[in-house]
PDB file of N, CA and C in Angstrom:
ATOM      1  N   MET A   1      -5.520   8.464 -13.194  1.00  0.00           N
ATOM      2  CA  MET A   1      -4.617   7.443 -13.806  1.00  0.00           C
ATOM      3  C   MET A   1      -3.793   7.233 -14.623  1.00  0.00           C
ATOM      4  N   ASP A   2      -3.017   7.682 -14.338  1.00  0.00           N
ATOM      5  CA  ASP A   2      -1.765   7.432 -16.267  1.00  0.00           C
ATOM      6  C   ASP A   2      -1.886   5.890 -16.769  1.00  0.00           C
ATOM      7  N   LYS A   3      -1.542   5.504 -17.966  1.00  0.00           N
ATOM      8  CA  LYS A   3      -2.136   4.494 -18.315  1.00  0.00           C
ATOM      9  C   LYS A   3      -0.744   3.627 -18.187  1.00  0.00           C
ATOM     10  N   ALA A   4       0.182   3.946 -17.951  1.00  0.00           N
ATOM     11  CA  ALA A   4       1.407   2.677 -17.184  1.00  0.00           C
ATOM     12  C   ALA A   4       0.703   2.183 -15.561  1.00  0.00           C
ATOM     13  N   LYS A   5       0.184   2.921 -14.897  1.00  0.00           N
ATOM     14  CA  LYS A   5      -0.499   2.542 -14.042  1.00  0.00           C
ATOM     15  C   LYS A   5      -1.666   1.931 -13.972  1.00  0.00           C
ATOM     16  N   ASN A   6      -3.084   2.165 -14.759  1.00  0.00           N
ATOM     17  CA  ASN A   6      -4.279   1.269 -15.508  1.00  0.00           C
ATOM     18  C   ASN A   6      -3.470   0.470 -15.928  1.00  0.00           C
ATOM     19  N   LYS A   7      -2.353   0.374 -16.392  1.00  0.00           N
ATOM     20  CA  LYS A   7      -1.802  -1.071 -17.120  1.00  0.00           C
ATOM     21  C   LYS A   7      -1.809  -2.278 -16.342  1.00  0.00           C
ATOM     22  N   GLN A   8      -1.055  -1.877 -15.262  1.00  0.00           N
ATOM     23  CA  GLN A   8      -0.478  -2.683 -14.528  1.00  0.00           C
ATOM     24  C   GLN A   8      -1.987  -2.893 -12.967  1.00  0.00           C
ATOM     25  N   LEU A   9      -2.795  -2.025 -12.882  1.00  0.00           N
ATOM     26  CA  LEU A   9      -4.202  -2.656 -12.387  1.00  0.00           C
ATOM     27  C   LEU A   9      -5.217  -3.724 -13.393  1.00  0.00           C
ATOM     28  N   GLN A  10      -4.839  -3.287 -14.781  1.00  0.00           N
ATOM     29  CA  GLN A  10      -5.528  -4.317 -15.703  1.00  0.00           C
ATOM     30  C   GLN A  10      -4.978  -5.694 -15.468  1.00  0.00           C
ATOM     31  N   GLN A  11      -3.774  -5.273 -15.699  1.00  0.00           N
ATOM     32  CA  GLN A  11      -2.899  -6.615 -15.431  1.00  0.00           C
ATOM     33  C   GLN A  11      -2.944  -7.333 -14.485  1.00  0.00           C
ATOM     34  N   PHE A  12      -2.700  -7.096 -12.686  1.00  0.00           N
ATOM     35  CA  PHE A  12      -3.269  -7.491 -12.202  1.00  0.00           C
ATOM     36  C   PHE A  12      -4.835  -8.060 -11.711  1.00  0.00           C
ATOM     37  N   ALA A  13      -5.878  -7.684 -12.270  1.00  0.00           N
ATOM     38  CA  ALA A  13      -7.433  -7.691 -12.835  1.00  0.00           C
ATOM     39  C   ALA A  13      -7.012  -9.241 -13.366  1.00  0.00           C
ATOM     40  N   TYR A  14      -6.222  -9.662 -14.091  1.00  0.00           N
ATOM     41  CA  TYR A  14      -5.788 -10.701 -15.162  1.00  0.00           C
ATOM     42  C   TYR A  14      -5.609 -11.910 -14.307  1.00  0.00           C
ATOM     43  N   ILE A  15      -4.327 -11.213 -13.590  1.00  0.00           N
ATOM     44  CA  ILE A  15      -3.880 -12.084 -12.839  1.00  0.00           C
ATOM     45  C   ILE A  15      -4.771 -12.562 -11.513  1.00  0.00           C
ATOM     46  N   SER A  16      -5.714 -11.809 -11.292  1.00  0.00           N
ATOM     47  CA  SER A  16      -6.628 -12.762  -9.953  1.00  0.00           C
ATOM     48  C   SER A  16      -7.667 -13.059 -10.159  1.00  0.00           C
ATOM     49  N   LEU A  17      -8.089 -13.293 -11.406  1.00  0.00           N
ATOM     50  CA  LEU A  17      -9.028 -13.620 -11.910  1.00  0.00           C
ATOM     51  C   LEU A  17      -8.061 -15.441 -12.421  1.00  0.00           C
ATOM     52  N   ALA A  18      -7.700 -15.197 -13.109  1.00  0.00           N
ATOM     53  CA  ALA A  18      -6.359 -16.712 -13.370  1.00  0.00           C
ATOM     54  C   ALA A  18      -6.774 -17.185 -11.932  1.00  0.00           C
ATOM     55  N   GLU A  19      -5.873 -16.813 -10.831  1.00  0.00           N
ATOM     56  CA  GLU A  19      -5.805 -17.292  -9.497  1.00  0.00           C
ATOM     57  C   GLU A  19      -6.523 -17.786  -9.350  1.00  0.00           C
ATOM     58  N   GLY A  20      -7.783 -16.890  -9.171  1.00  0.00           N
ATOM     59  CA  GLY A  20      -9.084 -17.417  -8.343  1.00  0.00           C
ATOM     60  C   GLY A  20      -9.564 -19.168  -9.428  1.00  0.00           C
ATOM     61  N   VAL A  21      -9.501 -18.763 -11.078  1.00  0.00           N
ATOM     62  CA  VAL A  21      -9.946 -20.211 -11.645  1.00  0.00           C
ATOM     63  C   VAL A  21      -9.258 -21.271 -10.602  1.00  0.00           C
ATOM     64  N   SER A  22      -8.015 -20.862 -10.793  1.00  0.00           N
ATOM     65  CA  SER A  22      -6.676 -22.238 -10.824  1.00  0.00           C
ATOM     66  C   SER A  22      -7.024 -22.748  -9.551  1.00  0.00           C
ATOM     67  N   PHE A  23      -7.507 -22.042  -8.475  1.00  0.00           N
ATOM     68  CA  PHE A  23      -7.596 -22.347  -6.710  1.00  0.00           C
ATOM     69  C   PHE A  23      -8.963 -22.789  -6.991  1.00  0.00           C
ATOM     70  N   ILE A  24     -10.079 -22.847  -7.766  1.00  0.00           N
ATOM     71  CA  ILE A  24     -11.017 -23.732  -7.685  1.00  0.00           C
ATOM     72  C   ILE A  24     -10.986 -25.151  -8.527  1.00  0.00           C
ATOM     73  N   LEU A  25     -10.121 -24.789  -9.593  1.00  0.00           N
ATOM     74  CA  LEU A  25     -10.089 -26.395 -10.601  1.00  0.00           C
ATOM     75  C   LEU A  25      -9.015 -27.043  -9.299  1.00  0.00           C
ATOM     76  N   LEU A  26      -8.302 -26.402  -8.580  1.00  0.00           N
ATOM     77  CA  LEU A  26      -6.674 -26.936  -8.086  1.00  0.00           C
ATOM     78  C   LEU A  26      -8.087 -27.887  -7.002  1.00  0.00           C
ATOM     79  N   LEU A  27      -9.111 -27.106  -6.049  1.00  0.00           N
ATOM     80  CA  LEU A  27     -10.145 -27.495  -4.880  1.00  0.00           C
ATOM     81  C   LEU A  27     -11.182 -28.687  -5.270  1.00  0.00           C
ATOM     82  N   GLY A  28     -11.786 -27.992  -6.563  1.00  0.00           N
ATOM     83  CA  GLY A  28     -13.604 -29.075  -7.022  1.00  0.00           C
ATOM     84  C   GLY A  28     -12.864 -29.810  -7.862  1.00  0.00           C
ATOM     85  N   ILE A  29     -11.576 -29.561  -8.730  1.00  0.00           N
ATOM     86  CA  ILE A  29     -11.307 -30.887  -9.808  1.00  0.00           C
ATOM     87  C   ILE A  29     -10.197 -31.703  -9.593  1.00  0.00           C
ATOM     88  N   ALA A  30      -8.912 -31.162  -8.908  1.00  0.00           N
ATOM     89  CA  ALA A  30      -7.972 -31.652  -9.108  1.00  0.00           C
ATOM     90  C   ALA A  30      -7.734 -32.805  -7.591  1.00  0.00           C
ATOM     91  N   MET A  31      -8.116 -32.268  -6.546  1.00  0.00           N
ATOM     92  CA  MET A  31      -7.984 -32.549  -5.647  1.00  0.00           C
ATOM     93  C   MET A  31      -9.634 -34.420  -5.443  1.00  0.00           C
ATOM     94  N   PRO A  32     -10.456 -33.760  -5.582  1.00  0.00           N
ATOM     95  CA  PRO A  32     -10.900 -35.037  -5.682  1.00  0.00           C
ATOM     96  C   PRO A  32     -10.413 -35.903  -6.613  1.00  0.00           C
ATOM     97  N   LEU A  33      -9.935 -35.811  -7.780  1.00  0.00           N
ATOM     98  CA  LEU A  33     -10.138 -37.016  -8.639  1.00  0.00           C
ATOM     99  C   LEU A  33      -8.454 -37.111  -8.270  1.00  0.00           C
ATOM    100  N   LYS A  34      -7.536 -36.798  -6.911  1.00  0.00           N
ATOM    101  CA  LYS A  34      -6.434 -37.448  -6.595  1.00  0.00           C
ATOM    102  C   LYS A  34      -7.034 -38.116  -5.502  1.00  0.00           C
ATOM    103  N   TYR A  35      -8.342 -38.093  -4.675  1.00  0.00           N
ATOM    104  CA  TYR A  35      -8.581 -38.948  -3.698  1.00  0.00           C
ATOM    105  C   TYR A  35      -9.783 -39.842  -3.864  1.00  0.00           C
ATOM    106  N   LEU A  36     -10.443 -39.312  -4.615  1.00  0.00           N
ATOM    107  CA  LEU A  36     -11.826 -40.361  -5.036  1.00  0.00           C
ATOM    108  C   LEU A  36     -11.354 -40.775  -6.298  1.00  0.00           C
ATOM    109  N   ALA A  37     -10.545 -40.804  -7.125  1.00  0.00           N
ATOM    110  CA  ALA A  37     -10.084 -41.427  -8.642  1.00  0.00           C
ATOM    111  C   ALA A  37      -8.866 -41.899  -8.932  1.00  0.00           C
ATOM    112  N   ASP A  38      -7.722 -41.847  -7.541  1.00  0.00           N
ATOM    113  CA  ASP A  38      -6.502 -41.674  -8.083  1.00  0.00           C
ATOM    114  C   ASP A  38      -5.656 -41.521  -8.840  1.00  0.00           C
ATOM    115  N   MET A  39      -6.376 -40.628  -8.734  1.00  0.00           N
ATOM    116  CA  MET A  39      -5.310 -39.316 -10.676  1.00  0.00           C
ATOM    117  C   MET A  39      -4.414 -38.177  -9.554  1.00  0.00           C
ATOM    118  N   PRO A  40      -3.423 -38.434  -8.754  1.00  0.00           N
ATOM    119  CA  PRO A  40      -2.416 -37.848  -8.069  1.00  0.00           C
ATOM    120  C   PRO A  40      -2.118 -36.805  -8.956  1.00  0.00           C
ATOM    121  N   LEU A  41      -1.964 -36.793 -10.052  1.00  0.00           N
ATOM    122  CA  LEU A  41      -0.924 -35.841 -11.714  1.00  0.00           C
ATOM    123  C   LEU A  41      -2.092 -34.916 -11.564  1.00  0.00           C
ATOM    124  N   MET A  42      -2.968 -34.995 -11.939  1.00  0.00           N
ATOM    125  CA  MET A  42      -3.532 -33.680 -11.901  1.00  0.00           C
ATOM    126  C   MET A  42      -3.412 -32.842 -10.627  1.00  0.00           C
ATOM    127  N   VAL A  43      -3.412 -32.495  -8.940  1.00  0.00           N
ATOM    128  CA  VAL A  43      -2.895 -32.219  -8.624  1.00  0.00           C
ATOM    129  C   VAL A  43      -1.203 -31.671  -8.721  1.00  0.00           C
ATOM    130  N   LYS A  44      -0.326 -32.082  -8.961  1.00  0.00           N
ATOM    131  CA  LYS A  44       0.934 -31.449  -9.356  1.00  0.00           C
ATOM    132  C   LYS A  44       0.554 -31.044 -10.380  1.00  0.00           C
ATOM    133  N   TYR A  45      -0.043 -30.440 -12.044  1.00  0.00           N
ATOM    134  CA  TYR A  45      -0.188 -29.988 -12.899  1.00  0.00           C
ATOM    135  C   TYR A  45      -0.860 -28.510 -12.303  1.00  0.00           C
ATOM    136  N   VAL A  46      -1.943 -28.865 -11.773  1.00  0.00           N
ATOM    137  CA  VAL A  46      -3.057 -27.868 -11.413  1.00  0.00           C
ATOM    138  C   VAL A  46      -2.341 -26.653 -10.805  1.00  0.00           C
ATOM    139  N   GLY A  47      -2.059 -27.795  -9.543  1.00  0.00           N
ATOM    140  CA  GLY A  47      -1.133 -27.615  -8.110  1.00  0.00           C
ATOM    141  C   GLY A  47      -0.014 -26.287  -8.610  1.00  0.00           C
ATOM    142  N   TRP A  48       0.657 -26.802  -9.509  1.00  0.00           N
ATOM    143  CA  TRP A  48       2.049 -25.926  -9.953  1.00  0.00           C
ATOM    144  C   TRP A  48       1.844 -24.688 -10.497  1.00  0.00           C
ATOM    145  N   ALA A  49       0.715 -24.862 -11.513  1.00  0.00           N
ATOM    146  CA  ALA A  49       0.004 -23.582 -12.278  1.00  0.00           C
ATOM    147  C   ALA A  49      -0.759 -22.422 -11.641  1.00  0.00           C
ATOM    148  N   HIS A  50      -1.396 -23.434 -10.149  1.00  0.00           N
ATOM    149  CA  HIS A  50      -1.640 -22.527  -9.050  1.00  0.00           C
ATOM    150  C   HIS A  50      -0.772 -21.281  -8.518  1.00  0.00           C
ATOM    151  N   GLY A  51       0.089 -22.338  -8.147  1.00  0.00           N
ATOM    152  CA  GLY A  51       1.799 -21.598  -7.045  1.00  0.00           C
ATOM    153  C   GLY A  51       1.964 -20.406  -8.573  1.00  0.00           C
ATOM    154  N   VAL A  52       2.154 -20.585  -9.519  1.00  0.00           N
ATOM    155  CA  VAL A  52       3.266 -19.867 -10.289  1.00  0.00           C
ATOM    156  C   VAL A  52       1.743 -18.215 -10.369  1.00  0.00           C
ATOM    157  N   LEU A  53       0.773 -18.791 -10.229  1.00  0.00           N
ATOM    158  CA  LEU A  53      -0.182 -17.143 -10.346  1.00  0.00           C
ATOM    159  C   LEU A  53      -0.026 -16.677  -9.043  1.00  0.00           C
ATOM    160  N   PHE A  54       0.122 -17.710  -8.039  1.00  0.00           N
ATOM    161  CA  PHE A  54      -0.159 -16.952  -6.990  1.00  0.00           C
ATOM    162  C   PHE A  54       0.561 -15.934  -6.294  1.00  0.00           C
ATOM    163  N   MET A  55       1.893 -16.416  -7.195  1.00  0.00           N
ATOM    164  CA  MET A  55       3.716 -15.973  -6.770  1.00  0.00           C
ATOM    165  C   MET A  55       2.972 -14.433  -7.682  1.00  0.00           C
ATOM    166  N   ALA A  56       2.558 -14.701  -8.594  1.00  0.00           N
ATOM    167  CA  ALA A  56       2.818 -13.742  -9.678  1.00  0.00           C
ATOM    168  C   ALA A  56       1.456 -12.774  -8.954  1.00  0.00           C
ATOM    169  N   TYR A  57       0.086 -13.188  -8.704  1.00  0.00           N
ATOM    170  CA  TYR A  57      -0.807 -11.764  -7.570  1.00  0.00           C
ATOM    171  C   TYR A  57      -0.125 -11.324  -6.365  1.00  0.00           C
ATOM    172  N   VAL A  58       0.912 -12.749  -5.908  1.00  0.00           N
ATOM    173  CA  VAL A  58       1.302 -11.298  -4.476  1.00  0.00           C
ATOM    174  C   VAL A  58       2.236 -10.533  -4.940  1.00  0.00           C
ATOM    175  N   PHE A  59       3.456 -10.543  -6.020  1.00  0.00           N
ATOM    176  CA  PHE A  59       4.275  -9.801  -6.614  1.00  0.00           C
ATOM    177  C   PHE A  59       3.739  -8.508  -7.959  1.00  0.00           C
ATOM    178  N   GLN A  60       2.448  -9.272  -7.755  1.00  0.00           N
ATOM    179  CA  GLN A  60       2.203  -7.527  -8.281  1.00  0.00           C
ATOM    180  C   GLN A  60       0.885  -6.724  -7.571  1.00  0.00           C
ATOM    181  N   LEU A  61       0.096  -7.460  -6.315  1.00  0.00           N
ATOM    182  CA  LEU A  61       0.181  -6.856  -5.259  1.00  0.00           C
ATOM    183  C   LEU A  61       0.832  -5.921  -4.357  1.00  0.00           C
ATOM    184  N   LEU A  62       2.422  -6.398  -3.897  1.00  0.00           N
ATOM    185  CA  LEU A  62       3.354  -5.979  -3.938  1.00  0.00           C
ATOM    186  C   LEU A  62       3.917  -4.840  -4.633  1.00  0.00           C
ATOM    187  N   TYR A  63       3.781  -4.879  -5.530  1.00  0.00           N
ATOM    188  CA  TYR A  63       4.582  -3.593  -6.565  1.00  0.00           C
ATOM    189  C   TYR A  63       3.375  -2.775  -6.814  1.00  0.00           C
ATOM    190  N   LEU A  64       2.004  -2.656  -6.933  1.00  0.00           N
ATOM    191  CA  LEU A  64       1.095  -2.433  -6.986  1.00  0.00           C
ATOM    192  C   LEU A  64       0.973  -1.654  -5.524  1.00  0.00           C
ATOM    193  N   THR A  65       1.132  -1.984  -4.459  1.00  0.00           N
ATOM    194  CA  THR A  65       1.306  -1.271  -3.309  1.00  0.00           C
ATOM    195  C   THR A  65       2.136   0.107  -3.343  1.00  0.00           C
ATOM    196  N   ALA A  66       3.040  -0.033  -3.663  1.00  0.00           N
ATOM    197  CA  ALA A  66       4.352   0.638  -3.894  1.00  0.00           C
ATOM    198  C   ALA A  66       3.803   1.912  -4.819  1.00  0.00           C
ATOM    199  N   ILE A  67       3.547   1.506  -6.303  1.00  0.00           N
ATOM    200  CA  ILE A  67       3.349   2.643  -6.873  1.00  0.00           C
ATOM    201  C   ILE A  67       2.011   3.303  -6.692  1.00  0.00           C
ATOM    202  N   LEU A  68       1.249   2.825  -5.861  1.00  0.00           N
ATOM    203  CA  LEU A  68      -0.156   3.433  -6.158  1.00  0.00           C
ATOM    204  C   LEU A  68       0.041   4.196  -4.414  1.00  0.00           C
ATOM    205  N   LYS A  69       0.689   3.309  -3.571  1.00  0.00           N
ATOM    206  CA  LYS A  69       0.858   3.943  -2.984  1.00  0.00           C
ATOM    207  C   LYS A  69      -0.875   3.681  -1.323  1.00  0.00           C
ATOM    208  N   TRP A  70      -0.950   2.612  -1.867  1.00  0.00           N
ATOM    209  CA  TRP A  70      -2.126   1.647  -0.974  1.00  0.00           C
ATOM    210  C   TRP A  70      -1.569   1.221   0.116  1.00  0.00           C
ATOM    211  N   LYS A  71      -2.700   1.921   0.865  1.00  0.00           N
ATOM    212  CA  LYS A  71      -3.407   1.950   2.599  1.00  0.00           C
ATOM    213  C   LYS A  71      -2.314   0.100   3.049  1.00  0.00           C
ATOM    214  N   PHE A  72      -1.613  -0.299   4.031  1.00  0.00           N
ATOM    215  CA  PHE A  72      -1.611  -1.526   4.138  1.00  0.00           C
ATOM    216  C   PHE A  72      -3.057  -2.455   4.599  1.00  0.00           C
ATOM    217  N   GLN A  73      -4.250  -2.168   4.762  1.00  0.00           N
ATOM    218  CA  GLN A  73      -4.876  -2.536   4.950  1.00  0.00           C
ATOM    219  C   GLN A  73      -5.923  -3.281   4.040  1.00  0.00           C
ATOM    220  N   ARG A  74      -5.279  -2.212   2.976  1.00  0.00           N
ATOM    221  CA  ARG A  74      -6.024  -2.641   1.104  1.00  0.00           C
ATOM    222  C   ARG A  74      -4.765  -4.137   0.843  1.00  0.00           C
ATOM    223  N   LEU A  75      -3.495  -3.532   1.378  1.00  0.00           N
ATOM    224  CA  LEU A  75      -2.619  -4.788   0.771  1.00  0.00           C
ATOM    225  C   LEU A  75      -2.800  -5.926   1.822  1.00  0.00           C
ATOM    226  N   ILE A  76      -3.389  -6.393   3.368  1.00  0.00           N
ATOM    227  CA  ILE A  76      -3.896  -7.239   4.374  1.00  0.00           C
ATOM    228  C   ILE A  76      -4.848  -7.908   3.623  1.00  0.00           C
ATOM    229  N   THR A  77      -5.978  -7.350   3.248  1.00  0.00           N
ATOM    230  CA  THR A  77      -6.877  -7.345   2.719  1.00  0.00           C
ATOM    231  C   THR A  77      -6.709  -8.402   0.989  1.00  0.00           C
ATOM    232  N   TYR A  78      -6.159  -8.055  -0.141  1.00  0.00           N
ATOM    233  CA  TYR A  78      -5.778  -8.347  -0.735  1.00  0.00           C
ATOM    234  C   TYR A  78      -5.343  -9.541  -0.847  1.00  0.00           C
ATOM    235  N   PHE A  79      -4.164 -10.293   1.059  1.00  0.00           N
ATOM    236  CA  PHE A  79      -3.321 -10.931   0.172  1.00  0.00           C
ATOM    237  C   PHE A  79      -4.217 -12.155   1.344  1.00  0.00           C
ATOM    238  N   ILE A  80      -5.210 -11.489   2.134  1.00  0.00           N
ATOM    239  CA  ILE A  80      -6.290 -12.873   2.861  1.00  0.00           C
ATOM    240  C   ILE A  80      -7.155 -13.022   1.877  1.00  0.00           C
ATOM    241  N   ALA A  81      -7.440 -12.528   0.729  1.00  0.00           N
ATOM    242  CA  ALA A  81      -8.239 -13.039  -0.262  1.00  0.00           C
ATOM    243  C   ALA A  81      -7.796 -13.792  -0.803  1.00  0.00           C
ATOM    244  N   ALA A  82      -6.395 -14.043  -1.568  1.00  0.00           N
ATOM    245  CA  ALA A  82      -6.223 -15.005  -2.023  1.00  0.00           C
ATOM    246  C   ALA A  82      -5.941 -16.500  -1.505  1.00  0.00           C
ATOM    247  N   PHE A  83      -6.235 -16.923  -0.604  1.00  0.00           N
ATOM    248  CA  PHE A  83      -6.457 -17.335   0.168  1.00  0.00           C
ATOM    249  C   PHE A  83      -8.069 -18.646   0.460  1.00  0.00           C
ATOM    250  N   LEU A  84      -8.989 -17.192  -0.007  1.00  0.00           N
ATOM    251  CA  LEU A  84      -9.916 -17.518   0.378  1.00  0.00           C
ATOM    252  C   LEU A  84     -10.490 -18.596  -1.235  1.00  0.00           C
ATOM    253  N   PRO A  85     -11.198 -19.338  -1.912  1.00  0.00           N
ATOM    254  CA  PRO A  85     -11.589 -20.111  -3.023  1.00  0.00           C
ATOM    255  C   PRO A  85     -12.442 -18.896  -4.212  1.00  0.00           C
ATOM    256  N   LEU A  86     -13.075 -18.088  -3.280  1.00  0.00           N
ATOM    257  CA  LEU A  86     -14.198 -16.923  -4.551  1.00  0.00           C
ATOM    258  C   LEU A  86     -13.672 -15.568  -4.388  1.00  0.00           C
ATOM    259  N   ALA A  87     -12.800 -15.445  -3.267  1.00  0.00           N
ATOM    260  CA  ALA A  87     -12.479 -13.897  -2.829  1.00  0.00           C
ATOM    261  C   ALA A  87     -11.576 -13.254  -3.738  1.00  0.00           C
ATOM    262  N   PRO A  88     -11.063 -13.907  -4.840  1.00  0.00           N
ATOM    263  CA  PRO A  88      -9.579 -13.241  -5.908  1.00  0.00           C
ATOM    264  C   PRO A  88     -11.200 -12.668  -6.643  1.00  0.00           C
ATOM    265  N   PHE A  89     -11.876 -13.049  -7.126  1.00  0.00           N
ATOM    266  CA  PHE A  89     -13.229 -12.718  -8.020  1.00  0.00           C
ATOM    267  C   PHE A  89     -13.574 -11.098  -8.078  1.00  0.00           C
ATOM    268  N   PHE A  90     -13.721 -11.063  -6.400  1.00  0.00           N
ATOM    269  CA  PHE A  90     -14.582 -10.075  -5.579  1.00  0.00           C
ATOM    270  C   PHE A  90     -12.679  -8.806  -6.063  1.00  0.00           C
ATOM    271  N   VAL A  91     -11.265  -9.294  -5.741  1.00  0.00           N
ATOM    272  CA  VAL A  91     -10.517  -8.269  -5.753  1.00  0.00           C
ATOM    273  C   VAL A  91     -10.929  -7.641  -7.164  1.00  0.00           C
ATOM    274  N   GLU A  92     -10.865  -8.971  -8.056  1.00  0.00           N
ATOM    275  CA  GLU A  92     -10.855  -8.341  -9.858  1.00  0.00           C
ATOM    276  C   GLU A  92     -11.541  -7.645 -10.016  1.00  0.00           C
ATOM    277  N   ARG A  93     -12.723  -7.769  -9.427  1.00  0.00           N
ATOM    278  CA  ARG A  93     -14.477  -6.546  -9.710  1.00  0.00           C
ATOM    279  C   ARG A  93     -13.386  -5.793  -9.054  1.00  0.00           C
ATOM    280  N   GLN A  94     -12.925  -5.540  -8.271  1.00  0.00           N
ATOM    281  CA  GLN A  94     -12.771  -3.651  -7.041  1.00  0.00           C
ATOM    282  C   GLN A  94     -11.552  -3.507  -8.071  1.00  0.00           C
ATOM    283  N   VAL A  95     -10.691  -3.868  -8.533  1.00  0.00           N
ATOM    284  CA  VAL A  95      -9.915  -3.418  -9.150  1.00  0.00           C
ATOM    285  C   VAL A  95     -10.127  -3.220 -10.413  1.00  0.00           C
ATOM    286  N   LYS A  96     -10.840  -3.094 -11.327  1.00  0.00           N
ATOM    287  CA  LYS A  96     -11.891  -2.923 -12.652  1.00  0.00           C
ATOM    288  C   LYS A  96     -12.739  -1.485 -12.374  1.00  0.00           C
ATOM    289  N   ARG A  97     -13.409  -1.676 -10.994  1.00  0.00           N
ATOM    290  CA  ARG A  97     -13.729  -0.323 -10.366  1.00  0.00           C
ATOM    291  C   ARG A  97     -12.863   0.822 -10.272  1.00  0.00           C
ATOM    292  N   MET A  98     -11.899   0.432 -10.024  1.00  0.00           N
ATOM    293  CA  MET A  98     -10.640   1.565  -9.736  1.00  0.00           C
ATOM    294  C   MET A  98     -10.368   2.075 -11.040  1.00  0.00           C
ATOM    295  N   MET A  99      -9.538   1.215 -11.910  1.00  0.00           N
ATOM    296  CA  MET A  99      -9.924   1.393 -13.206  1.00  0.00           C
ATOM    297  C   MET A  99     -10.503   2.418 -13.814  1.00  0.00           C
ATOM    298  N   THR A 100     -11.737   2.265 -13.604  1.00  0.00           N
ATOM    299  CA  THR A 100     -13.036   3.230 -14.204  1.00  0.00           C
ATOM    300  C   THR A 100     -13.076   4.122 -13.568  1.00  0.00           C
ATOM    301  N   ALA A 101     -12.303   4.443 -12.834  1.00  0.00           N
ATOM    302  CA  ALA A 101     -12.603   5.854 -11.848  1.00  0.00           C
ATOM    303  C   ALA A 101     -11.691   6.996 -11.706  1.00  0.00           C
TER     304      ALA A 101
END
């Protein structure tokens, strides 16, 4: 795989990791603070960051699907992974394996 494509995969791995962390923070810290400690501001900021990272994840996923000619099944699997709390970490691991292969 050439350097440019490898760099795009590395970027997607970072985005996937960050998106997963932001999702965990949103569900595990910000939401409980909102509903249990009456601190809704945390959801605003963590939710905003998570939204930006989610959009970056989806855009990078679509871009990689186009340039690497990934199958539709991989696109759908990785897209659904963005909605499951721990799944982006598995996506990140798979992408890193692709980079070394």
